[in-house]
Amino acid sequence: MERRVSWRWIRLDLSRLSPSATPARASLLRSTVLPWRYSTVSARRGQRVSDVETNAPTHKSMFKRFKSRFWQPPRRHGEAIEDRTVSFLELFYDLVYVVLIARAAHTLAHHVSWRGVAEFAVIFGLIWLAWLNGTLHHELHGREDGRSRTFIFIQMFLLAILAVYAGDAAGEGGTGFAITYLILLLVFTWLWYTVRRQDTNEFMQVTARYLTGMAVSSVVMAVCIFLPNDVRLYVWGFFVVGWVIGGLLLASSAESVFSLGVRPTDSMVERFGLFTIIVLGEVIVGVVDGLSGVERDLLAVVTGILGLTIGFGIWWTYFDFVGRRLPQERSRLSAQWMYSHLPITMAIAGAGAAMVSLIEHAGDPRAPVATAWLLTGSVVVLLVALVAIFRSLRDYQRFRGVYQPLSVAMAGGGVVAVLVGWWGPVPWLLMLAVAALLAALWLFAVDRWLREERASDAHLRPF
């Protein structure tokens, strides 16, 4: 004999749980305690009602349900979330790069030389490429699930180990840095491969090229483990340059597919802006580090204040004219926008490293030659990269009357910065000249904005 167990029987049974239970309370219990719907069940003669088997989820089905929600596949190319906001997990992820960059910049700050600058540029380039891969993967394919969290935490674990070797990556720490970076590349390769498994046919050719580049990069990094320090540094330099050129060529060769799969969003722009803020913190760290190691007399304090002013000027220049402005949707210009952030952030970190030496030599009659060129050279690289990024912005066409003359002014500012570096005056005067240059460029831009506003009767303001 078989018997059907209906919702009515279950409601009556739940009502026995408490003398004060009501049908409404029983319904609430059913929806909270028993979230899976009970359907037709059977019981044989002689069984108690409590022994009736239901189709309540087994441990196996519960695991499948948990896995389907906790461990979802990545989003495909083209499935951009337009209104997405940057999550706390992404902010946590970026904090690891604060340590990485600080370790590399600290080495440069205390060993300013032409070789030291070259070593820093290579190590910073490797760090930035790792950040780019992790950021783009989560921006384009990540979800708010356990899988994305797990792989981000795996990356953070490897990045923390990478930071241990970053301070001496050009020397004895190079082998450990290469091994850790290789494992990180393998993680990235696996993540991009899982995206390819979800993609449609139109993206297969582009993703195959990218995965081939990741595989080649892993092989190169594996070879670097066994190379001498000097040779390894040269290979890493070509590695960084090759990545930048390869990324730009990939965007140009598959423009329609690339623009569909890597569509700029507000959250992407915000991530790049947040990373710029992280690197700007190195200017403050450099000033604090410099003042902490010297006698804090008036000259040293004034030099430190002028160093902070340079950091403020860089912030004003970037975030008033680049920050929170979407790049154009053409893939070549989107890639130009992304890769222009490498020299911008590298220059900011280099300027921060120069602060330490300039404050330490605040009482000298002339700034150290290498340090003076480090600061002014960083400003030159910054201004040139800003000119390149201007042309990739959507606002460039709308406000051509602002960005075109500003680009010319920044090119001229780069020439002025070179002359200031060649002059090499006392440290406080060197910093004052650089701060004045940044202020003059910003005031020129504001004047152009006001002229543009009057000419077009527009009410849009740059900030």
Protein backbone atom coordinates (compact mmCIF):
# COMPACT_ATOMS: atom_id res chain seq x y z
CA MET A 1 0.00 0.00 0.00
CA GLU A 2 1.33 3.40 -0.90
CA ARG A 3 0.35 6.76 0.49
CA ARG A 4 0.96 10.26 -0.85
CA VAL A 5 2.34 12.87 1.50
CA SER A 6 1.02 16.31 0.61
CA TRP A 7 1.89 19.83 1.68
CA ARG A 8 -1.17 19.71 3.97
CA TRP A 9 0.27 16.79 5.93
CA ILE A 10 3.61 18.58 6.24
CA ARG A 11 1.95 21.74 7.51
CA LEU A 12 0.08 19.77 10.16
CA ASP A 13 3.26 17.99 11.14
CA LEU A 14 5.16 21.29 11.47
CA SER A 15 2.40 22.73 13.57
CA ARG A 16 3.20 20.13 16.21
CA LEU A 17 6.63 21.62 16.74
CA SER A 18 5.19 24.31 18.95
CA PRO A 19 1.83 24.66 20.73
CA SER A 20 1.64 28.24 19.49
CA ALA A 21 2.37 27.39 15.87
CA THR A 22 -0.10 28.78 13.36
CA PRO A 23 -0.59 27.94 9.69
CA ALA A 24 1.33 31.09 8.81
CA ARG A 25 4.18 30.14 11.14
CA ALA A 26 4.17 26.63 9.70
CA SER A 27 4.43 28.11 6.23
CA LEU A 28 7.40 30.24 7.37
CA LEU A 29 9.08 27.18 8.84
CA ARG A 30 8.54 25.33 5.62
CA SER A 31 10.21 28.10 3.61
CA THR A 32 13.15 28.54 5.96
CA VAL A 33 13.83 25.15 7.52
CA LEU A 34 12.80 23.10 4.47
CA PRO A 35 13.84 25.12 1.43
CA TRP A 36 13.51 22.20 -1.02
CA ARG A 37 10.02 21.34 -2.19
CA TYR A 38 8.64 17.99 -1.08
CA SER A 39 6.65 16.12 -3.70
CA THR A 40 5.00 12.73 -4.01
CA VAL A 41 6.45 10.14 -1.63
CA SER A 42 5.47 6.67 -0.58
CA ALA A 43 5.41 4.52 2.51
CA ARG A 44 4.81 0.82 2.93
CA ARG A 45 2.31 -0.76 5.22
CA GLY A 46 3.39 -0.77 8.84
CA GLN A 47 5.72 2.18 8.64
CA ARG A 48 5.32 5.14 10.96
CA VAL A 49 4.63 8.52 9.44
CA SER A 50 8.03 9.78 10.66
CA ASP A 51 9.69 7.01 8.67
CA VAL A 52 8.26 8.17 5.37
CA GLU A 53 10.97 8.76 2.77
CA THR A 54 10.77 12.08 1.04
CA ASN A 55 12.71 13.47 -1.85
CA ALA A 56 14.53 15.90 0.45
CA PRO A 57 18.00 16.61 -0.94
CA THR A 58 20.67 14.06 -0.22
CA HIS A 59 24.21 14.98 0.70
CA LYS A 60 25.17 14.48 -2.94
CA SER A 61 22.46 16.78 -4.29
CA MET A 62 23.23 19.38 -1.63
CA PHE A 63 26.87 19.31 -2.69
CA LYS A 64 25.88 19.82 -6.32
CA ARG A 65 23.65 22.72 -5.34
CA PHE A 66 26.43 24.23 -3.23
CA LYS A 67 28.95 23.79 -6.04
CA SER A 68 26.63 25.32 -8.64
CA ARG A 69 26.43 28.49 -6.58
CA PHE A 70 29.85 28.58 -4.94
CA TRP A 71 32.00 27.41 -7.88
CA GLN A 72 30.56 28.88 -11.05
CA PRO A 73 32.38 28.98 -14.39
CA PRO A 74 33.89 32.32 -15.43
CA ARG A 75 31.93 34.78 -17.52
CA ARG A 76 32.54 34.59 -21.25
CA HIS A 77 34.16 37.28 -23.30
CA GLY A 78 31.58 39.92 -24.07
CA GLU A 79 29.57 39.40 -20.87
CA ALA A 80 30.61 42.72 -19.39
CA ILE A 81 28.69 44.05 -16.39
CA GLU A 82 28.19 47.70 -17.23
CA ASP A 83 27.01 48.86 -13.79
CA ARG A 84 29.48 46.81 -11.76
CA THR A 85 31.28 48.50 -8.87
CA VAL A 86 34.74 47.66 -7.59
CA SER A 87 34.43 45.14 -4.76
CA PHE A 88 36.21 45.00 -1.41
CA LEU A 89 37.94 41.85 -2.63
CA GLU A 90 39.56 43.80 -5.48
CA LEU A 91 40.69 46.51 -3.07
CA PHE A 92 42.19 43.82 -0.84
CA TYR A 93 43.94 42.35 -3.88
CA ASP A 94 45.45 45.71 -4.83
CA LEU A 95 46.86 46.14 -1.33
CA VAL A 96 49.33 43.32 -1.96
CA TYR A 97 50.77 45.37 -4.78
CA VAL A 98 51.36 48.21 -2.32
CA VAL A 99 53.90 45.96 -0.60
CA LEU A 100 55.40 44.74 -3.86
CA ILE A 101 55.94 48.22 -5.27
CA ALA A 102 57.19 49.53 -1.93
CA ARG A 103 59.84 46.81 -1.80
CA ALA A 104 61.09 47.59 -5.31
CA ALA A 105 60.97 51.37 -4.78
CA HIS A 106 62.81 51.09 -1.45
CA THR A 107 65.74 49.42 -3.19
CA LEU A 108 65.89 52.18 -5.80
CA ALA A 109 65.55 54.94 -3.18
CA HIS A 110 68.67 53.79 -1.36
CA HIS A 111 70.70 52.83 -4.46
CA VAL A 112 70.04 55.59 -6.98
CA SER A 113 72.14 54.98 -10.07
CA TRP A 114 71.60 54.42 -13.75
CA ARG A 115 71.76 50.65 -13.24
CA GLY A 116 69.43 50.93 -10.28
CA VAL A 117 66.88 52.82 -12.40
CA ALA A 118 67.06 50.17 -15.13
CA GLU A 119 66.62 47.35 -12.61
CA PHE A 120 63.65 49.12 -11.04
CA ALA A 121 62.01 49.69 -14.43
CA VAL A 122 62.25 45.99 -15.28
CA ILE A 123 60.99 44.75 -11.90
CA PHE A 124 58.16 47.30 -11.87
CA GLY A 125 57.18 46.22 -15.39
CA LEU A 126 56.89 42.60 -14.25
CA ILE A 127 54.79 43.64 -11.26
CA TRP A 128 52.49 45.76 -13.42
CA LEU A 129 51.97 42.95 -15.94
CA ALA A 130 50.95 40.61 -13.13
CA TRP A 131 48.49 43.23 -11.88
CA LEU A 132 47.12 43.73 -15.39
CA ASN A 133 46.42 40.02 -15.86
CA GLY A 134 44.77 39.61 -12.48
CA THR A 135 42.72 42.78 -12.82
CA LEU A 136 41.48 42.15 -16.36
CA HIS A 137 40.56 38.55 -15.63
CA HIS A 138 38.37 39.51 -12.68
CA GLU A 139 36.95 42.57 -14.43
CA LEU A 140 36.00 40.66 -17.58
CA HIS A 141 35.27 37.17 -16.25
CA GLY A 142 35.06 37.18 -12.46
CA ARG A 143 31.94 36.58 -10.40
CA GLU A 144 30.85 37.15 -6.81
CA ASP A 145 31.38 33.50 -5.95
CA GLY A 146 33.80 31.25 -4.13
CA ARG A 147 35.76 30.35 -7.23
CA SER A 148 36.77 33.94 -7.94
CA ARG A 149 37.62 34.51 -4.29
CA THR A 150 39.71 31.36 -4.10
CA PHE A 151 41.82 32.16 -7.13
CA ILE A 152 42.30 35.77 -6.06
CA PHE A 153 43.52 34.59 -2.66
CA ILE A 154 45.87 32.15 -4.40
CA GLN A 155 47.27 35.07 -6.40
CA MET A 156 47.64 37.15 -3.25
CA PHE A 157 49.51 34.31 -1.56
CA LEU A 158 51.96 34.12 -4.47
CA LEU A 159 52.28 37.92 -4.66
CA ALA A 160 53.16 38.06 -0.97
CA ILE A 161 55.97 35.57 -1.60
CA LEU A 162 56.99 37.57 -4.65
CA ALA A 163 57.32 40.66 -2.45
CA VAL A 164 59.88 38.84 -0.31
CA TYR A 165 62.20 38.63 -3.32
CA ALA A 166 61.22 41.93 -5.00
CA GLY A 167 63.75 44.01 -3.07
CA ASP A 168 66.68 41.98 -4.44
CA ALA A 169 65.08 40.57 -7.59
CA ALA A 170 67.92 41.92 -9.74
CA GLY A 171 70.47 40.13 -7.55
CA GLU A 172 70.48 37.06 -5.38
CA GLY A 173 66.72 37.11 -4.99
CA GLY A 174 66.22 36.74 -8.72
CA THR A 175 65.91 32.95 -8.67
CA GLY A 176 63.18 32.99 -6.02
CA PHE A 177 61.43 35.82 -7.84
CA ALA A 178 61.50 33.88 -11.13
CA ILE A 179 60.17 30.68 -9.54
CA THR A 180 57.30 32.49 -7.83
CA TYR A 181 56.49 34.52 -10.94
CA LEU A 182 56.44 31.32 -12.99
CA ILE A 183 53.85 29.75 -10.68
CA LEU A 184 51.81 32.95 -10.88
CA LEU A 185 51.95 32.82 -14.70
CA LEU A 186 50.75 29.22 -14.64
CA VAL A 187 47.79 30.26 -12.47
CA PHE A 188 46.95 33.04 -14.92
CA THR A 189 47.29 30.63 -17.86
CA TRP A 190 44.84 28.22 -16.25
CA LEU A 191 42.37 31.02 -15.54
CA TRP A 192 42.45 32.27 -19.12
CA TYR A 193 42.13 28.69 -20.37
CA THR A 194 38.96 28.18 -18.34
CA VAL A 195 37.56 31.31 -19.97
CA ARG A 196 38.36 29.93 -23.41
CA ARG A 197 36.37 26.78 -22.58
CA GLN A 198 33.28 28.98 -22.06
CA ASP A 199 33.78 31.23 -25.08
CA THR A 200 31.96 31.15 -28.38
CA ASN A 201 33.70 30.48 -31.69
CA GLU A 202 34.19 34.13 -32.58
CA PHE A 203 36.71 34.54 -29.73
CA MET A 204 38.64 31.30 -30.24
CA GLN A 205 41.32 32.73 -32.53
CA VAL A 206 42.10 35.67 -30.24
CA THR A 207 42.11 33.62 -27.05
CA ALA A 208 44.35 31.03 -28.73
CA ARG A 209 46.91 33.77 -29.44
CA TYR A 210 46.72 35.06 -25.88
CA LEU A 211 47.11 31.58 -24.40
CA THR A 212 50.06 30.96 -26.71
CA GLY A 213 51.63 34.15 -25.38
CA MET A 214 51.00 33.01 -21.81
CA ALA A 215 52.59 29.62 -22.53
CA VAL A 216 55.64 31.25 -24.13
CA SER A 217 55.91 33.62 -21.17
CA SER A 218 55.88 30.68 -18.77
CA VAL A 219 58.65 28.95 -20.71
CA VAL A 220 60.76 32.11 -20.75
CA MET A 221 60.30 32.61 -17.02
CA ALA A 222 61.20 28.96 -16.38
CA VAL A 223 64.45 29.43 -18.34
CA CYS A 224 65.19 32.58 -16.31
CA ILE A 225 65.41 30.49 -13.15
CA PHE A 226 68.72 29.06 -14.33
CA LEU A 227 70.26 32.21 -15.86
CA PRO A 228 72.94 34.41 -14.26
CA ASN A 229 71.64 37.57 -12.60
CA ASP A 230 72.75 40.00 -15.31
CA VAL A 231 71.49 37.86 -18.18
CA ARG A 232 68.20 37.27 -16.37
CA LEU A 233 67.63 41.01 -16.01
CA TYR A 234 68.12 41.54 -19.75
CA VAL A 235 65.69 38.72 -20.55
CA TRP A 236 63.12 40.21 -18.17
CA GLY A 237 63.50 43.57 -19.89
CA PHE A 238 62.76 42.03 -23.29
CA PHE A 239 59.92 40.10 -21.63
CA VAL A 240 58.21 43.32 -20.49
CA VAL A 241 58.74 45.10 -23.82
CA GLY A 242 57.48 42.03 -25.69
CA TRP A 243 54.33 41.90 -23.59
CA VAL A 244 53.50 45.54 -24.28
CA ILE A 245 54.16 45.26 -28.02
CA GLY A 246 52.32 41.94 -28.22
CA GLY A 247 49.28 43.35 -26.43
CA LEU A 248 49.10 46.34 -28.76
CA LEU A 249 49.51 44.14 -31.84
CA LEU A 250 46.84 41.72 -30.64
CA ALA A 251 44.39 44.58 -30.16
CA SER A 252 45.17 45.98 -33.62
CA SER A 253 45.02 42.66 -35.49
CA ALA A 254 41.63 41.58 -34.09
CA GLU A 255 39.98 44.94 -33.57
CA SER A 256 36.31 43.95 -33.82
CA VAL A 257 36.62 40.86 -31.62
CA PHE A 258 38.91 42.55 -29.12
CA SER A 259 36.60 45.54 -28.72
CA LEU A 260 33.67 43.18 -28.11
CA GLY A 261 35.50 41.04 -25.57
CA VAL A 262 37.43 43.78 -23.75
CA ARG A 263 34.84 46.51 -23.48
CA PRO A 264 35.86 49.42 -21.20
CA THR A 265 33.53 49.96 -18.26
CA ASP A 266 33.38 52.40 -15.36
CA SER A 267 34.66 49.71 -13.00
CA MET A 268 37.68 49.06 -15.25
CA VAL A 269 38.52 52.77 -15.31
CA GLU A 270 38.13 52.85 -11.54
CA ARG A 271 40.55 49.94 -11.07
CA PHE A 272 43.25 51.70 -13.07
CA GLY A 273 42.63 54.90 -11.13
CA LEU A 274 42.89 53.08 -7.82
CA PHE A 275 46.19 51.52 -8.85
CA THR A 276 47.46 54.99 -9.72
CA ILE A 277 46.49 56.17 -6.23
CA ILE A 278 48.35 53.21 -4.74
CA VAL A 279 51.51 54.20 -6.61
CA LEU A 280 51.06 57.86 -5.63
CA GLY A 281 51.36 56.68 -2.06
CA GLU A 282 55.02 55.95 -2.82
CA VAL A 283 55.64 59.70 -3.05
CA ILE A 284 54.37 60.12 0.51
CA VAL A 285 56.34 57.07 1.64
CA GLY A 286 59.48 58.53 0.08
CA VAL A 287 59.03 61.86 1.88
CA VAL A 288 58.38 60.17 5.23
CA ASP A 289 61.28 57.77 4.74
CA GLY A 290 63.60 60.65 3.88
CA LEU A 291 62.59 62.81 6.84
CA SER A 292 62.83 59.84 9.20
CA GLY A 293 66.49 59.26 8.39
CA VAL A 294 67.88 62.79 8.71
CA GLU A 295 67.99 65.62 11.17
CA ARG A 296 64.70 67.43 10.67
CA ASP A 297 65.95 70.98 10.28
CA LEU A 298 64.12 73.70 8.38
CA LEU A 299 65.79 72.92 5.05
CA ALA A 300 64.96 69.21 5.22
CA VAL A 301 61.34 69.90 6.20
CA VAL A 302 60.88 72.44 3.40
CA THR A 303 62.34 69.96 0.91
CA GLY A 304 59.92 67.30 2.17
CA ILE A 305 56.95 69.64 1.86
CA LEU A 306 57.93 70.47 -1.70
CA GLY A 307 58.14 66.72 -2.38
CA LEU A 308 54.57 66.27 -1.17
CA THR A 309 53.55 69.18 -3.40
CA ILE A 310 54.91 67.29 -6.42
CA GLY A 311 52.77 64.30 -5.45
CA PHE A 312 49.72 66.53 -5.13
CA GLY A 313 50.47 68.08 -8.53
CA ILE A 314 50.64 64.66 -10.17
CA TRP A 315 47.30 63.72 -8.58
CA TRP A 316 45.65 66.90 -9.85
CA THR A 317 47.02 66.43 -13.35
CA TYR A 318 46.03 62.77 -13.70
CA PHE A 319 42.61 62.76 -12.05
CA ASP A 320 41.40 66.04 -13.50
CA PHE A 321 42.19 65.12 -17.10
CA VAL A 322 42.42 61.28 -17.22
CA GLY A 323 40.84 59.73 -14.13
CA ARG A 324 37.27 58.42 -14.45
CA ARG A 325 37.23 59.14 -18.16
CA LEU A 326 36.37 56.19 -20.38
CA PRO A 327 38.69 55.27 -23.24
CA GLN A 328 37.37 54.95 -26.75
CA GLU A 329 35.81 51.62 -27.69
CA ARG A 330 38.18 51.00 -30.59
CA SER A 331 40.41 48.16 -29.44
CA ARG A 332 43.67 49.82 -30.49
CA LEU A 333 42.87 52.92 -28.46
CA SER A 334 41.59 50.91 -25.50
CA ALA A 335 44.87 48.97 -25.46
CA GLN A 336 46.79 52.24 -25.78
CA TRP A 337 44.87 53.56 -22.77
CA MET A 338 45.68 50.46 -20.71
CA TYR A 339 49.36 50.16 -21.56
CA SER A 340 49.97 53.90 -21.16
CA HIS A 341 49.36 53.35 -17.45
CA LEU A 342 52.57 51.34 -17.21
CA PRO A 343 54.92 54.33 -17.82
CA ILE A 344 52.60 56.62 -15.84
CA THR A 345 52.66 54.50 -12.68
CA MET A 346 56.33 53.63 -13.12
CA ALA A 347 57.22 57.33 -13.35
CA ILE A 348 55.22 58.13 -10.22
CA ALA A 349 56.96 55.37 -8.25
CA GLY A 350 60.34 56.57 -9.54
CA ALA A 351 59.59 60.12 -8.42
CA GLY A 352 58.67 58.79 -4.99
CA ALA A 353 61.99 56.96 -4.74
CA ALA A 354 63.86 60.17 -5.62
CA MET A 355 62.36 61.93 -2.59
CA VAL A 356 64.46 59.95 -0.13
CA SER A 357 67.80 60.92 -1.63
CA LEU A 358 66.84 64.55 -2.19
CA ILE A 359 65.77 64.99 1.43
CA GLU A 360 68.92 63.23 2.65
CA HIS A 361 71.01 65.70 0.62
CA ALA A 362 68.85 68.74 1.39
CA GLY A 363 71.86 70.64 2.74
CA ASP A 364 74.15 69.92 -0.22
CA PRO A 365 75.00 72.75 -2.66
CA ARG A 366 73.71 70.65 -5.57
CA ALA A 367 71.34 67.73 -5.85
CA PRO A 368 72.99 64.37 -6.60
CA VAL A 369 73.19 64.02 -10.37
CA ALA A 370 71.55 60.59 -10.56
CA THR A 371 68.73 61.64 -8.22
CA ALA A 372 68.07 64.87 -10.09
CA TRP A 373 67.76 62.94 -13.33
CA LEU A 374 65.59 60.33 -11.66
CA LEU A 375 63.07 62.96 -10.57
CA THR A 376 63.06 65.04 -13.75
CA GLY A 377 63.23 61.97 -15.98
CA SER A 378 60.21 60.54 -14.18
CA VAL A 379 58.33 63.78 -14.86
CA VAL A 380 59.28 63.59 -18.55
CA VAL A 381 58.03 60.00 -18.83
CA LEU A 382 54.85 60.96 -16.98
CA LEU A 383 54.07 63.89 -19.30
CA VAL A 384 54.76 61.92 -22.49
CA ALA A 385 52.57 59.03 -21.30
CA LEU A 386 49.78 61.46 -20.43
CA VAL A 387 49.90 62.86 -23.96
CA ALA A 388 49.54 59.30 -25.30
CA ILE A 389 46.63 58.54 -23.01
CA PHE A 390 44.82 61.78 -23.89
CA ARG A 391 44.38 60.62 -27.48
CA SER A 392 42.72 57.39 -26.35
CA LEU A 393 39.98 59.09 -24.32
CA ARG A 394 36.40 59.51 -25.51
CA ASP A 395 36.54 63.08 -24.25
CA TYR A 396 39.43 63.83 -26.59
CA GLN A 397 37.03 64.39 -29.48
CA ARG A 398 34.51 66.31 -27.37
CA PHE A 399 37.12 68.60 -25.85
CA ARG A 400 39.69 68.73 -28.60
CA GLY A 401 40.15 72.44 -27.89
CA VAL A 402 41.47 71.49 -24.44
CA TYR A 403 43.41 68.29 -25.00
CA GLN A 404 45.29 69.30 -28.15
CA PRO A 405 46.90 72.47 -26.74
CA LEU A 406 47.43 70.71 -23.42
CA SER A 407 49.32 67.93 -25.24
CA VAL A 408 51.59 70.53 -26.84
CA ALA A 409 52.09 72.22 -23.47
CA MET A 410 53.01 68.93 -21.83
CA ALA A 411 55.51 68.15 -24.56
CA GLY A 412 57.07 71.55 -23.86
CA GLY A 413 56.94 70.79 -20.14
CA GLY A 414 58.96 67.66 -20.79
CA VAL A 415 61.67 69.76 -22.43
CA VAL A 416 61.65 72.11 -19.43
CA ALA A 417 61.99 69.13 -17.07
CA VAL A 418 65.06 67.93 -18.99
CA LEU A 419 66.62 71.38 -18.66
CA VAL A 420 65.90 71.41 -14.92
CA GLY A 421 67.58 68.00 -14.57
CA TRP A 422 70.61 69.21 -16.50
CA TRP A 423 70.74 72.30 -14.29
CA GLY A 424 70.69 70.19 -11.13
CA PRO A 425 70.32 72.94 -8.50
CA VAL A 426 70.09 72.55 -4.73
CA PRO A 427 67.45 69.89 -3.82
CA TRP A 428 64.77 72.27 -2.53
CA LEU A 429 65.06 74.43 -5.63
CA LEU A 430 64.93 71.38 -7.88
CA MET A 431 61.70 70.27 -6.23
CA LEU A 432 60.28 73.77 -6.38
CA ALA A 433 60.98 73.96 -10.11
CA VAL A 434 59.25 70.62 -10.75
CA ALA A 435 56.25 71.56 -8.58
CA ALA A 436 55.98 74.92 -10.38
CA LEU A 437 56.09 73.14 -13.75
CA LEU A 438 53.21 70.83 -12.79
CA ALA A 439 51.22 73.77 -11.41
CA ALA A 440 51.77 75.79 -14.59
CA LEU A 441 50.54 72.91 -16.77
CA TRP A 442 47.44 72.46 -14.62
CA LEU A 443 46.63 76.18 -14.69
CA PHE A 444 47.07 76.21 -18.45
CA ALA A 445 44.63 73.31 -18.76
CA VAL A 446 42.08 75.02 -16.52
CA ASP A 447 42.34 78.14 -18.63
CA ARG A 448 41.63 76.08 -21.75
CA TRP A 449 38.64 74.46 -20.04
CA LEU A 450 37.19 77.87 -19.21
CA ARG A 451 37.77 79.10 -22.74
CA GLU A 452 36.09 75.99 -24.13
CA GLU A 453 33.16 76.47 -21.82
CA ARG A 454 32.65 80.06 -22.86
CA ALA A 455 32.98 79.18 -26.54
CA SER A 456 30.44 76.35 -26.50
CA ASP A 457 28.15 77.65 -23.75
CA ALA A 458 28.48 74.21 -22.14
CA HIS A 459 27.95 73.53 -18.49
CA LEU A 460 30.20 70.48 -18.20
CA ARG A 461 33.23 70.99 -16.01
CA PRO A 462 36.35 68.87 -15.81
CA PHE A 463 35.98 68.19 -12.09
